[in-house]
Amino acid sequence: MIYVVGIGPGNPKYLTNEAEDVLFKSKFVIGFNRAVDSVDEFTEATEVKTLKDITDFLDTHKDLGEDIVVLASGDPSFFGIAEYLSKKYEIEVVPGISTVSYLSSKLKISLNEVKTISFHGREIEKSMIDSKKLMVYTDSKNTPNRVSKWLSEMGYSGTIVAGFNLSYDDESIIKFNIGEEIHEYSDLNILYVELA
């Protein structure tokens, strides 16, 4: 069986019991660098660099009759790798705690009226902004600072809370006004935006 296991926000203490059980019983565990580091106290895992590395590994090992785990950050069904892999393989998903859930708990806010969008690998478009409250996944191009400046240029005002390295010892959660310069402490971040 191919399992896609959500590791949560990153700190191993946020792994679910089910995730730990699947890790212990599986012969092969693969994932990107940060995910592999997050489970090294539970199991030995192989680091991969690209999605092609993952699919090549699965193609080579899936018929051996052994359980395989593909590690995924956060929750693999929430802007994650599960959808991509399910188009090619029969998988079982083990959910994890998303960074959206984690940050909302830290901010003590309800997610009932919050829309989550991803600027990861996409062009930012004004049509994506259709709620007053947003959780925004960023990437190396659409960084927190770029998102802040872009929102201001589009005429939006309000606040942005940037969560960096969530769940790790060097976690940082900082509030800014839209348009302000956001010092980017880490590539590992998510934004909560409240428009005025």
C-alpha atoms as a PDB file:
ATOM      1  CA  MET A   1       0.000   0.000   0.000  1.00  0.00           C
ATOM      2  CA  ILE A   2       1.142   3.541  -0.744  1.00  0.00           C
ATOM      3  CA  TYR A   3       0.406   5.867   2.160  1.00  0.00           C
ATOM      4  CA  VAL A   4       0.574   9.642   1.924  1.00  0.00           C
ATOM      5  CA  VAL A   5       1.200  10.695   5.502  1.00  0.00           C
ATOM      6  CA  GLY A   6       0.697  14.243   6.747  1.00  0.00           C
ATOM      7  CA  ILE A   7       3.416  15.221   9.183  1.00  0.00           C
ATOM      8  CA  GLY A   8       1.619  18.323  10.453  1.00  0.00           C
ATOM      9  CA  PRO A   9       3.332  21.701  10.709  1.00  0.00           C
ATOM     10  CA  GLY A  10       6.748  20.112  11.221  1.00  0.00           C
ATOM     11  CA  ASN A  11       7.516  19.557  14.889  1.00  0.00           C
ATOM     12  CA  PRO A  12       7.320  15.783  15.517  1.00  0.00           C
ATOM     13  CA  LYS A  13       5.051  16.298  18.537  1.00  0.00           C
ATOM     14  CA  TYR A  14       2.247  17.199  16.103  1.00  0.00           C
ATOM     15  CA  LEU A  15       2.361  13.831  14.337  1.00  0.00           C
ATOM     16  CA  THR A  16      -0.865  11.927  14.875  1.00  0.00           C
ATOM     17  CA  ASN A  17      -0.844   8.473  16.451  1.00  0.00           C
ATOM     18  CA  GLU A  18      -2.045   7.023  13.158  1.00  0.00           C
ATOM     19  CA  ALA A  19       0.848   8.675  11.311  1.00  0.00           C
ATOM     20  CA  GLU A  20       3.317   7.171  13.790  1.00  0.00           C
ATOM     21  CA  ASP A  21       1.733   3.715  13.436  1.00  0.00           C
ATOM     22  CA  VAL A  22       1.994   3.809   9.635  1.00  0.00           C
ATOM     23  CA  LEU A  23       5.602   5.030   9.812  1.00  0.00           C
ATOM     24  CA  PHE A  24       6.577   2.179  12.153  1.00  0.00           C
ATOM     25  CA  LYS A  25       5.036  -0.536   9.977  1.00  0.00           C
ATOM     26  CA  SER A  26       6.154   0.661   6.540  1.00  0.00           C
ATOM     27  CA  LYS A  27       9.230  -0.699   4.783  1.00  0.00           C
ATOM     28  CA  PHE A  28       9.955   2.462   2.775  1.00  0.00           C
ATOM     29  CA  VAL A  29       9.555   6.114   3.816  1.00  0.00           C
ATOM     30  CA  ILE A  30      10.390   8.957   1.420  1.00  0.00           C
ATOM     31  CA  GLY A  31       9.958  12.716   1.474  1.00  0.00           C
ATOM     32  CA  PHE A  32      11.490  16.111   0.985  1.00  0.00           C
ATOM     33  CA  ASN A  33      14.209  17.351   3.347  1.00  0.00           C
ATOM     34  CA  ARG A  34      12.102  19.039   6.043  1.00  0.00           C
ATOM     35  CA  ALA A  35       9.630  16.164   6.172  1.00  0.00           C
ATOM     36  CA  VAL A  36      12.422  13.596   6.505  1.00  0.00           C
ATOM     37  CA  ASP A  37      13.973  15.636   9.331  1.00  0.00           C
ATOM     38  CA  SER A  38      10.601  15.728  11.110  1.00  0.00           C
ATOM     39  CA  VAL A  39      10.347  11.926  11.364  1.00  0.00           C
ATOM     40  CA  ASP A  40      13.970  10.952  11.923  1.00  0.00           C
ATOM     41  CA  GLU A  41      13.317  10.034  15.560  1.00  0.00           C
ATOM     42  CA  PHE A  42      10.610   7.572  14.467  1.00  0.00           C
ATOM     43  CA  THR A  43      12.010   5.928  11.360  1.00  0.00           C
ATOM     44  CA  GLU A  44      14.691   5.965   8.697  1.00  0.00           C
ATOM     45  CA  ALA A  45      13.553   7.869   5.623  1.00  0.00           C
ATOM     46  CA  THR A  46      14.973   8.546   2.185  1.00  0.00           C
ATOM     47  CA  GLU A  47      15.218  12.155   1.093  1.00  0.00           C
ATOM     48  CA  VAL A  48      14.055  13.081  -2.400  1.00  0.00           C
ATOM     49  CA  LYS A  49      14.447  16.398  -4.210  1.00  0.00           C
ATOM     50  CA  THR A  50      11.613  16.501  -6.776  1.00  0.00           C
ATOM     51  CA  LEU A  51       8.144  15.142  -7.519  1.00  0.00           C
ATOM     52  CA  LYS A  52       9.758  13.078 -10.275  1.00  0.00           C
ATOM     53  CA  ASP A  53      12.003  11.453  -7.653  1.00  0.00           C
ATOM     54  CA  ILE A  54       8.863  10.454  -5.760  1.00  0.00           C
ATOM     55  CA  THR A  55       7.088   8.997  -8.779  1.00  0.00           C
ATOM     56  CA  ASP A  56      10.264   7.207  -9.920  1.00  0.00           C
ATOM     57  CA  PHE A  57      10.604   5.660  -6.447  1.00  0.00           C
ATOM     58  CA  LEU A  58       6.947   4.598  -6.399  1.00  0.00           C
ATOM     59  CA  ASP A  59       7.149   3.141  -9.897  1.00  0.00           C
ATOM     60  CA  THR A  60      10.191   1.093  -8.886  1.00  0.00           C
ATOM     61  CA  HIS A  61       8.915  -0.106  -5.493  1.00  0.00           C
ATOM     62  CA  LYS A  62       5.090  -0.251  -5.646  1.00  0.00           C
ATOM     63  CA  ASP A  63       4.898  -3.861  -6.857  1.00  0.00           C
ATOM     64  CA  LEU A  64       7.246  -5.291  -4.209  1.00  0.00           C
ATOM     65  CA  GLY A  65       4.399  -5.983  -1.786  1.00  0.00           C
ATOM     66  CA  GLU A  66       5.777  -3.611   0.867  1.00  0.00           C
ATOM     67  CA  ASP A  67       4.143  -0.570   2.431  1.00  0.00           C
ATOM     68  CA  ILE A  68       5.516   2.760   1.214  1.00  0.00           C
ATOM     69  CA  VAL A  69       5.066   6.132   2.916  1.00  0.00           C
ATOM     70  CA  VAL A  70       5.285   9.429   1.075  1.00  0.00           C
ATOM     71  CA  LEU A  71       5.685  12.174   3.673  1.00  0.00           C
ATOM     72  CA  ALA A  72       3.724  15.378   3.179  1.00  0.00           C
ATOM     73  CA  SER A  73       3.888  18.677   5.031  1.00  0.00           C
ATOM     74  CA  GLY A  74       0.776  19.684   6.933  1.00  0.00           C
ATOM     75  CA  ASP A  75      -2.278  17.842   5.669  1.00  0.00           C
ATOM     76  CA  PRO A  76      -1.666  16.112   2.303  1.00  0.00           C
ATOM     77  CA  SER A  77      -5.241  16.736   1.115  1.00  0.00           C
ATOM     78  CA  PHE A  78      -5.133  20.479   1.811  1.00  0.00           C
ATOM     79  CA  PHE A  79      -3.198  22.106  -1.048  1.00  0.00           C
ATOM     80  CA  GLY A  80      -0.934  19.068  -0.771  1.00  0.00           C
ATOM     81  CA  ILE A  81       0.527  16.186  -2.708  1.00  0.00           C
ATOM     82  CA  ALA A  82      -2.361  13.722  -2.234  1.00  0.00           C
ATOM     83  CA  GLU A  83      -4.374  14.981  -5.202  1.00  0.00           C
ATOM     84  CA  TYR A  84      -1.365  14.773  -7.508  1.00  0.00           C
ATOM     85  CA  LEU A  85      -0.433  11.221  -6.480  1.00  0.00           C
ATOM     86  CA  SER A  86      -4.039   9.949  -6.497  1.00  0.00           C
ATOM     87  CA  LYS A  87      -4.205  10.575 -10.245  1.00  0.00           C
ATOM     88  CA  LYS A  88      -1.473   8.001 -10.836  1.00  0.00           C
ATOM     89  CA  TYR A  89      -1.554   5.594  -7.879  1.00  0.00           C
ATOM     90  CA  GLU A  90      -3.962   3.968  -5.480  1.00  0.00           C
ATOM     91  CA  ILE A  91      -3.157   5.678  -2.208  1.00  0.00           C
ATOM     92  CA  GLU A  92      -4.362   5.863   1.358  1.00  0.00           C
ATOM     93  CA  VAL A  93      -4.140   9.281   2.983  1.00  0.00           C
ATOM     94  CA  VAL A  94      -3.246   9.741   6.634  1.00  0.00           C
ATOM     95  CA  PRO A  95      -4.258  13.323   7.480  1.00  0.00           C
ATOM     96  CA  GLY A  96      -2.103  15.715   9.431  1.00  0.00           C
ATOM     97  CA  ILE A  97      -2.582  19.039  11.169  1.00  0.00           C
ATOM     98  CA  SER A  98      -2.457  21.810   8.572  1.00  0.00           C
ATOM     99  CA  THR A  99      -0.539  25.032   9.112  1.00  0.00           C
ATOM    100  CA  VAL A 100      -3.894  26.777   8.631  1.00  0.00           C
ATOM    101  CA  SER A 101      -5.320  24.963  11.668  1.00  0.00           C
ATOM    102  CA  TYR A 102      -2.145  25.499  13.638  1.00  0.00           C
ATOM    103  CA  LEU A 103      -1.961  29.267  12.984  1.00  0.00           C
ATOM    104  CA  SER A 104      -5.681  29.788  13.616  1.00  0.00           C
ATOM    105  CA  SER A 105      -5.301  28.102  17.013  1.00  0.00           C
ATOM    106  CA  LYS A 106      -2.368  30.367  17.877  1.00  0.00           C
ATOM    107  CA  LEU A 107      -4.353  33.442  16.817  1.00  0.00           C
ATOM    108  CA  LYS A 108      -7.495  32.191  18.610  1.00  0.00           C
ATOM    109  CA  ILE A 109      -9.639  32.750  15.524  1.00  0.00           C
ATOM    110  CA  SER A 110     -12.427  30.695  13.994  1.00  0.00           C
ATOM    111  CA  LEU A 111     -11.929  29.372  10.485  1.00  0.00           C
ATOM    112  CA  ASN A 112     -15.653  29.492   9.717  1.00  0.00           C
ATOM    113  CA  GLU A 113     -15.392  32.652   7.587  1.00  0.00           C
ATOM    114  CA  VAL A 114     -11.774  32.277   6.472  1.00  0.00           C
ATOM    115  CA  LYS A 115     -11.016  31.337   2.874  1.00  0.00           C
ATOM    116  CA  THR A 116      -7.739  29.558   2.223  1.00  0.00           C
ATOM    117  CA  ILE A 117      -5.919  30.284  -1.022  1.00  0.00           C
ATOM    118  CA  SER A 118      -2.555  29.269  -2.368  1.00  0.00           C
ATOM    119  CA  PHE A 119      -0.214  31.565  -4.227  1.00  0.00           C
ATOM    120  CA  HIS A 120       2.231  28.663  -4.388  1.00  0.00           C
ATOM    121  CA  GLY A 121       3.314  28.290  -8.009  1.00  0.00           C
ATOM    122  CA  ARG A 122       0.546  30.603  -9.230  1.00  0.00           C
ATOM    123  CA  GLU A 123       0.245  34.127 -10.465  1.00  0.00           C
ATOM    124  CA  ILE A 124      -1.527  36.358  -7.952  1.00  0.00           C
ATOM    125  CA  GLU A 125      -4.851  37.547  -9.355  1.00  0.00           C
ATOM    126  CA  LYS A 126      -7.363  39.942  -7.834  1.00  0.00           C
ATOM    127  CA  SER A 127     -10.171  37.462  -8.547  1.00  0.00           C
ATOM    128  CA  MET A 128      -8.648  35.178  -5.888  1.00  0.00           C
ATOM    129  CA  ILE A 129      -9.395  37.766  -3.198  1.00  0.00           C
ATOM    130  CA  ASP A 130     -13.086  37.185  -2.593  1.00  0.00           C
ATOM    131  CA  SER A 131     -13.251  37.136   1.195  1.00  0.00           C
ATOM    132  CA  LYS A 132     -12.374  39.598   3.966  1.00  0.00           C
ATOM    133  CA  LYS A 133     -10.457  36.896   5.851  1.00  0.00           C
ATOM    134  CA  LEU A 134      -7.824  34.803   4.105  1.00  0.00           C
ATOM    135  CA  MET A 135      -5.162  32.229   4.884  1.00  0.00           C
ATOM    136  CA  VAL A 136      -2.535  32.453   2.167  1.00  0.00           C
ATOM    137  CA  TYR A 137       0.086  29.866   1.256  1.00  0.00           C
ATOM    138  CA  THR A 138       3.161  31.578  -0.201  1.00  0.00           C
ATOM    139  CA  ASP A 139       6.214  30.434  -2.142  1.00  0.00           C
ATOM    140  CA  SER A 140       9.685  31.714  -3.057  1.00  0.00           C
ATOM    141  CA  LYS A 141       8.221  34.116  -5.664  1.00  0.00           C
ATOM    142  CA  ASN A 142       5.006  35.166  -3.932  1.00  0.00           C
ATOM    143  CA  THR A 143       6.669  35.895  -0.614  1.00  0.00           C
ATOM    144  CA  PRO A 144       4.950  37.513   2.387  1.00  0.00           C
ATOM    145  CA  ASN A 145       6.561  40.845   1.506  1.00  0.00           C
ATOM    146  CA  ARG A 146       5.435  40.632  -2.143  1.00  0.00           C
ATOM    147  CA  VAL A 147       1.881  39.707  -1.070  1.00  0.00           C
ATOM    148  CA  SER A 148       1.796  42.680   1.322  1.00  0.00           C
ATOM    149  CA  LYS A 149       2.963  45.101  -1.388  1.00  0.00           C
ATOM    150  CA  TRP A 150       0.641  43.605  -4.029  1.00  0.00           C
ATOM    151  CA  LEU A 151      -2.433  43.894  -1.777  1.00  0.00           C
ATOM    152  CA  SER A 152      -1.567  47.537  -1.119  1.00  0.00           C
ATOM    153  CA  GLU A 153      -1.067  48.237  -4.834  1.00  0.00           C
ATOM    154  CA  MET A 154      -4.494  46.700  -5.525  1.00  0.00           C
ATOM    155  CA  GLY A 155      -6.067  49.167  -3.070  1.00  0.00           C
ATOM    156  CA  TYR A 156      -6.578  46.823  -0.117  1.00  0.00           C
ATOM    157  CA  SER A 157      -5.982  47.827   3.475  1.00  0.00           C
ATOM    158  CA  GLY A 158      -6.061  45.816   6.673  1.00  0.00           C
ATOM    159  CA  THR A 159      -3.638  43.557   8.500  1.00  0.00           C
ATOM    160  CA  ILE A 160      -1.421  40.576   7.770  1.00  0.00           C
ATOM    161  CA  VAL A 161      -0.186  38.106  10.332  1.00  0.00           C
ATOM    162  CA  ALA A 162       2.855  36.187   9.118  1.00  0.00           C
ATOM    163  CA  GLY A 163       3.618  32.864  10.770  1.00  0.00           C
ATOM    164  CA  PHE A 164       7.202  31.693  10.276  1.00  0.00           C
ATOM    165  CA  ASN A 165       8.598  28.254  11.222  1.00  0.00           C
ATOM    166  CA  LEU A 166       5.328  27.295  12.853  1.00  0.00           C
ATOM    167  CA  SER A 167       5.600  24.626  15.576  1.00  0.00           C
ATOM    168  CA  TYR A 168       9.409  24.810  15.668  1.00  0.00           C
ATOM    169  CA  ASP A 169      11.496  26.260  18.509  1.00  0.00           C
ATOM    170  CA  ASP A 170      12.198  29.402  16.455  1.00  0.00           C
ATOM    171  CA  GLU A 171       8.530  29.988  15.593  1.00  0.00           C
ATOM    172  CA  SER A 172       7.650  33.621  14.960  1.00  0.00           C
ATOM    173  CA  ILE A 173       4.172  35.124  14.500  1.00  0.00           C
ATOM    174  CA  ILE A 174       4.205  38.835  13.608  1.00  0.00           C
ATOM    175  CA  LYS A 175       1.415  41.278  12.716  1.00  0.00           C
ATOM    176  CA  PHE A 176       1.835  43.900   9.970  1.00  0.00           C
ATOM    177  CA  ASN A 177      -0.340  46.420   8.173  1.00  0.00           C
ATOM    178  CA  ILE A 178      -0.963  45.670   4.501  1.00  0.00           C
ATOM    179  CA  GLY A 179       1.695  47.463   2.465  1.00  0.00           C
ATOM    180  CA  GLU A 180       4.317  47.359   5.199  1.00  0.00           C
ATOM    181  CA  GLU A 181       7.677  45.749   4.570  1.00  0.00           C
ATOM    182  CA  ILE A 182       7.651  42.193   5.914  1.00  0.00           C
ATOM    183  CA  HIS A 183      11.040  40.900   6.974  1.00  0.00           C
ATOM    184  CA  GLU A 184      11.049  37.255   5.923  1.00  0.00           C
ATOM    185  CA  TYR A 185      12.567  35.164   8.673  1.00  0.00           C
ATOM    186  CA  SER A 186      12.081  31.906   6.805  1.00  0.00           C
ATOM    187  CA  ASP A 187      10.776  30.388   3.580  1.00  0.00           C
ATOM    188  CA  LEU A 188       8.526  28.278   5.797  1.00  0.00           C
ATOM    189  CA  ASN A 189       5.556  30.574   6.341  1.00  0.00           C
ATOM    190  CA  ILE A 190       1.849  31.198   5.947  1.00  0.00           C
ATOM    191  CA  LEU A 191      -0.182  34.423   6.098  1.00  0.00           C
ATOM    192  CA  TYR A 192      -3.468  35.339   7.741  1.00  0.00           C
ATOM    193  CA  VAL A 193      -4.977  38.413   6.070  1.00  0.00           C
ATOM    194  CA  GLU A 194      -7.892  40.509   7.374  1.00  0.00           C
ATOM    195  CA  LEU A 195      -9.070  43.107   4.917  1.00  0.00           C
ATOM    196  CA  ALA A 196     -10.566  46.353   6.235  1.00  0.00           C
END
